[in-house]
Amino acid sequence: DLDRALEIAKLDRKYVPLTKYPKVERDLSVLVPNGVTVEKILSSVTKHGKPLLDTVQVVDTYVGEKIPSGTTSVSISYSSVDPNRTLEDVELDQQMKKIIAGLEKDLGVTLRTQ
């Protein structure tokens, strides 16, 4: 039934132009205390990565050898972009420091060093 299909379909799509400046991809591996959800991790990264953060996702988890008991290794990938200019390494490094500090404060997460 076409009327029903049109009723269900989301026709109010909004056009968002592509930026002419490049996105920068960064990865981060952290040790997360057991019981902390992916949702909380993504929320914390989003909160502390603003205003440059574009996307964030958990790409891998690992429990096992070389991972301290009571924790899970979580690899996070995120991208940053500014629609008006090319981002510089210094500001991307500052953003990463803010994200790591926020994860530590919010969730007790630590940076994985090995």
C-alpha atoms as a PDB file:
ATOM      1  CA  ASP A   1       0.000   0.000   0.000  1.00  0.00           C
ATOM      2  CA  LEU A   2       1.710   3.147  -1.267  1.00  0.00           C
ATOM      3  CA  ASP A   3      -0.154   5.486   1.068  1.00  0.00           C
ATOM      4  CA  ARG A   4       1.017   3.495   4.107  1.00  0.00           C
ATOM      5  CA  ALA A   5       4.599   3.342   2.797  1.00  0.00           C
ATOM      6  CA  LEU A   6       4.672   7.123   2.302  1.00  0.00           C
ATOM      7  CA  GLU A   7       3.206   7.615   5.738  1.00  0.00           C
ATOM      8  CA  ILE A   8       5.988   5.555   7.304  1.00  0.00           C
ATOM      9  CA  ALA A   9       8.824   6.916   5.140  1.00  0.00           C
ATOM     10  CA  LYS A  10      10.745   9.866   6.447  1.00  0.00           C
ATOM     11  CA  LEU A  11      10.507  12.400   3.672  1.00  0.00           C
ATOM     12  CA  ASP A  12      11.781  15.354   5.660  1.00  0.00           C
ATOM     13  CA  ARG A  13      15.444  14.807   4.838  1.00  0.00           C
ATOM     14  CA  LYS A  14      17.761  17.744   5.227  1.00  0.00           C
ATOM     15  CA  TYR A  15      20.650  18.454   2.929  1.00  0.00           C
ATOM     16  CA  VAL A  16      23.959  18.972   4.691  1.00  0.00           C
ATOM     17  CA  PRO A  17      26.725  20.086   2.351  1.00  0.00           C
ATOM     18  CA  LEU A  18      30.055  18.294   2.486  1.00  0.00           C
ATOM     19  CA  THR A  19      32.827  20.295   4.060  1.00  0.00           C
ATOM     20  CA  LYS A  20      35.694  21.334   1.845  1.00  0.00           C
ATOM     21  CA  TYR A  21      38.101  20.815   4.746  1.00  0.00           C
ATOM     22  CA  PRO A  22      39.369  17.342   5.657  1.00  0.00           C
ATOM     23  CA  LYS A  23      38.184  15.232   8.536  1.00  0.00           C
ATOM     24  CA  VAL A  24      40.943  13.975  10.779  1.00  0.00           C
ATOM     25  CA  GLU A  25      40.710  10.425  12.122  1.00  0.00           C
ATOM     26  CA  ARG A  26      42.225   9.500  15.482  1.00  0.00           C
ATOM     27  CA  ASP A  27      42.243   6.285  17.489  1.00  0.00           C
ATOM     28  CA  LEU A  28      42.492   5.795  21.204  1.00  0.00           C
ATOM     29  CA  SER A  29      42.856   2.621  23.314  1.00  0.00           C
ATOM     30  CA  VAL A  30      41.743   2.755  26.932  1.00  0.00           C
ATOM     31  CA  LEU A  31      41.280   0.427  29.878  1.00  0.00           C
ATOM     32  CA  VAL A  32      37.681   0.558  31.043  1.00  0.00           C
ATOM     33  CA  PRO A  33      36.481  -0.758  34.407  1.00  0.00           C
ATOM     34  CA  ASN A  34      34.084  -3.682  34.047  1.00  0.00           C
ATOM     35  CA  GLY A  35      30.474  -2.536  34.124  1.00  0.00           C
ATOM     36  CA  VAL A  36      31.005   0.682  32.170  1.00  0.00           C
ATOM     37  CA  THR A  37      28.772   0.601  29.093  1.00  0.00           C
ATOM     38  CA  VAL A  38      29.692   1.537  25.538  1.00  0.00           C
ATOM     39  CA  GLU A  39      26.927   4.144  25.693  1.00  0.00           C
ATOM     40  CA  LYS A  40      28.658   5.865  28.627  1.00  0.00           C
ATOM     41  CA  ILE A  41      32.018   5.785  26.843  1.00  0.00           C
ATOM     42  CA  LEU A  42      30.579   7.305  23.657  1.00  0.00           C
ATOM     43  CA  SER A  43      28.672   9.914  25.639  1.00  0.00           C
ATOM     44  CA  SER A  44      31.804  10.976  27.527  1.00  0.00           C
ATOM     45  CA  VAL A  45      33.908  11.189  24.349  1.00  0.00           C
ATOM     46  CA  THR A  46      31.168  13.224  22.659  1.00  0.00           C
ATOM     47  CA  LYS A  47      30.893  15.588  25.628  1.00  0.00           C
ATOM     48  CA  HIS A  48      34.628  16.225  25.918  1.00  0.00           C
ATOM     49  CA  GLY A  49      35.425  16.164  22.184  1.00  0.00           C
ATOM     50  CA  LYS A  50      33.201  19.107  21.316  1.00  0.00           C
ATOM     51  CA  PRO A  51      33.144  21.345  19.363  1.00  0.00           C
ATOM     52  CA  LEU A  52      35.389  19.662  16.774  1.00  0.00           C
ATOM     53  CA  LEU A  53      34.164  16.078  17.207  1.00  0.00           C
ATOM     54  CA  ASP A  54      32.272  14.756  14.187  1.00  0.00           C
ATOM     55  CA  THR A  55      31.893  10.999  14.720  1.00  0.00           C
ATOM     56  CA  VAL A  56      32.873   8.471  17.384  1.00  0.00           C
ATOM     57  CA  GLN A  57      32.604   4.706  17.576  1.00  0.00           C
ATOM     58  CA  VAL A  58      33.955   1.767  19.532  1.00  0.00           C
ATOM     59  CA  VAL A  59      35.855  -0.397  17.070  1.00  0.00           C
ATOM     60  CA  ASP A  60      37.220  -3.184  19.286  1.00  0.00           C
ATOM     61  CA  THR A  61      37.144  -4.639  22.768  1.00  0.00           C
ATOM     62  CA  TYR A  62      39.563  -7.118  24.314  1.00  0.00           C
ATOM     63  CA  VAL A  63      39.844  -8.989  27.590  1.00  0.00           C
ATOM     64  CA  GLY A  64      42.780 -11.280  28.149  1.00  0.00           C
ATOM     65  CA  GLU A  65      46.540 -11.379  28.334  1.00  0.00           C
ATOM     66  CA  LYS A  66      48.224  -8.093  29.361  1.00  0.00           C
ATOM     67  CA  ILE A  67      44.860  -6.552  30.327  1.00  0.00           C
ATOM     68  CA  PRO A  68      44.497  -5.924  34.086  1.00  0.00           C
ATOM     69  CA  SER A  69      41.832  -7.933  35.874  1.00  0.00           C
ATOM     70  CA  GLY A  70      38.557  -6.053  36.220  1.00  0.00           C
ATOM     71  CA  THR A  71      39.065  -4.052  33.057  1.00  0.00           C
ATOM     72  CA  THR A  72      38.388  -4.295  29.327  1.00  0.00           C
ATOM     73  CA  SER A  73      40.563  -2.782  26.627  1.00  0.00           C
ATOM     74  CA  VAL A  74      38.387  -0.616  24.382  1.00  0.00           C
ATOM     75  CA  SER A  75      39.573   0.917  21.112  1.00  0.00           C
ATOM     76  CA  ILE A  76      37.786   4.075  20.066  1.00  0.00           C
ATOM     77  CA  SER A  77      37.922   5.741  16.676  1.00  0.00           C
ATOM     78  CA  TYR A  78      36.775   9.298  16.220  1.00  0.00           C
ATOM     79  CA  SER A  79      36.900  12.002  13.599  1.00  0.00           C
ATOM     80  CA  SER A  80      37.132  15.739  13.959  1.00  0.00           C
ATOM     81  CA  VAL A  81      36.416  18.515  11.498  1.00  0.00           C
ATOM     82  CA  ASP A  82      35.886  22.237  11.307  1.00  0.00           C
ATOM     83  CA  PRO A  83      33.670  23.366   8.412  1.00  0.00           C
ATOM     84  CA  ASN A  84      35.590  26.636   8.053  1.00  0.00           C
ATOM     85  CA  ARG A  85      39.257  25.643   8.154  1.00  0.00           C
ATOM     86  CA  THR A  86      41.844  22.884   8.293  1.00  0.00           C
ATOM     87  CA  LEU A  87      42.524  21.646  11.817  1.00  0.00           C
ATOM     88  CA  GLU A  88      46.039  21.840  13.221  1.00  0.00           C
ATOM     89  CA  ASP A  89      47.905  19.111  15.122  1.00  0.00           C
ATOM     90  CA  VAL A  90      48.151  21.250  18.258  1.00  0.00           C
ATOM     91  CA  GLU A  91      44.388  21.617  18.619  1.00  0.00           C
ATOM     92  CA  LEU A  92      43.787  17.950  17.793  1.00  0.00           C
ATOM     93  CA  ASP A  93      46.285  16.980  20.505  1.00  0.00           C
ATOM     94  CA  GLN A  94      44.480  19.280  22.955  1.00  0.00           C
ATOM     95  CA  GLN A  95      41.170  17.673  22.012  1.00  0.00           C
ATOM     96  CA  MET A  96      42.586  14.197  22.642  1.00  0.00           C
ATOM     97  CA  LYS A  97      43.909  15.299  26.047  1.00  0.00           C
ATOM     98  CA  LYS A  98      40.460  16.667  26.928  1.00  0.00           C
ATOM     99  CA  ILE A  99      38.814  13.399  25.863  1.00  0.00           C
ATOM    100  CA  ILE A 100      41.243  11.280  27.903  1.00  0.00           C
ATOM    101  CA  ALA A 101      40.901  13.520  30.977  1.00  0.00           C
ATOM    102  CA  GLY A 102      37.105  13.440  30.636  1.00  0.00           C
ATOM    103  CA  LEU A 103      37.026   9.648  30.376  1.00  0.00           C
ATOM    104  CA  GLU A 104      39.257   9.388  33.461  1.00  0.00           C
ATOM    105  CA  LYS A 105      37.087  11.790  35.465  1.00  0.00           C
ATOM    106  CA  ASP A 106      33.680  10.544  34.286  1.00  0.00           C
ATOM    107  CA  LEU A 107      34.273   6.786  34.179  1.00  0.00           C
ATOM    108  CA  GLY A 108      37.597   5.901  35.811  1.00  0.00           C
ATOM    109  CA  VAL A 109      39.066   4.987  32.434  1.00  0.00           C
ATOM    110  CA  THR A 110      42.844   4.975  31.907  1.00  0.00           C
ATOM    111  CA  LEU A 111      44.899   5.244  28.747  1.00  0.00           C
ATOM    112  CA  ARG A 112      46.213   1.886  27.533  1.00  0.00           C
ATOM    113  CA  THR A 113      49.956   2.173  27.129  1.00  0.00           C
ATOM    114  CA  GLN A 114      50.814  -1.303  25.774  1.00  0.00           C
END
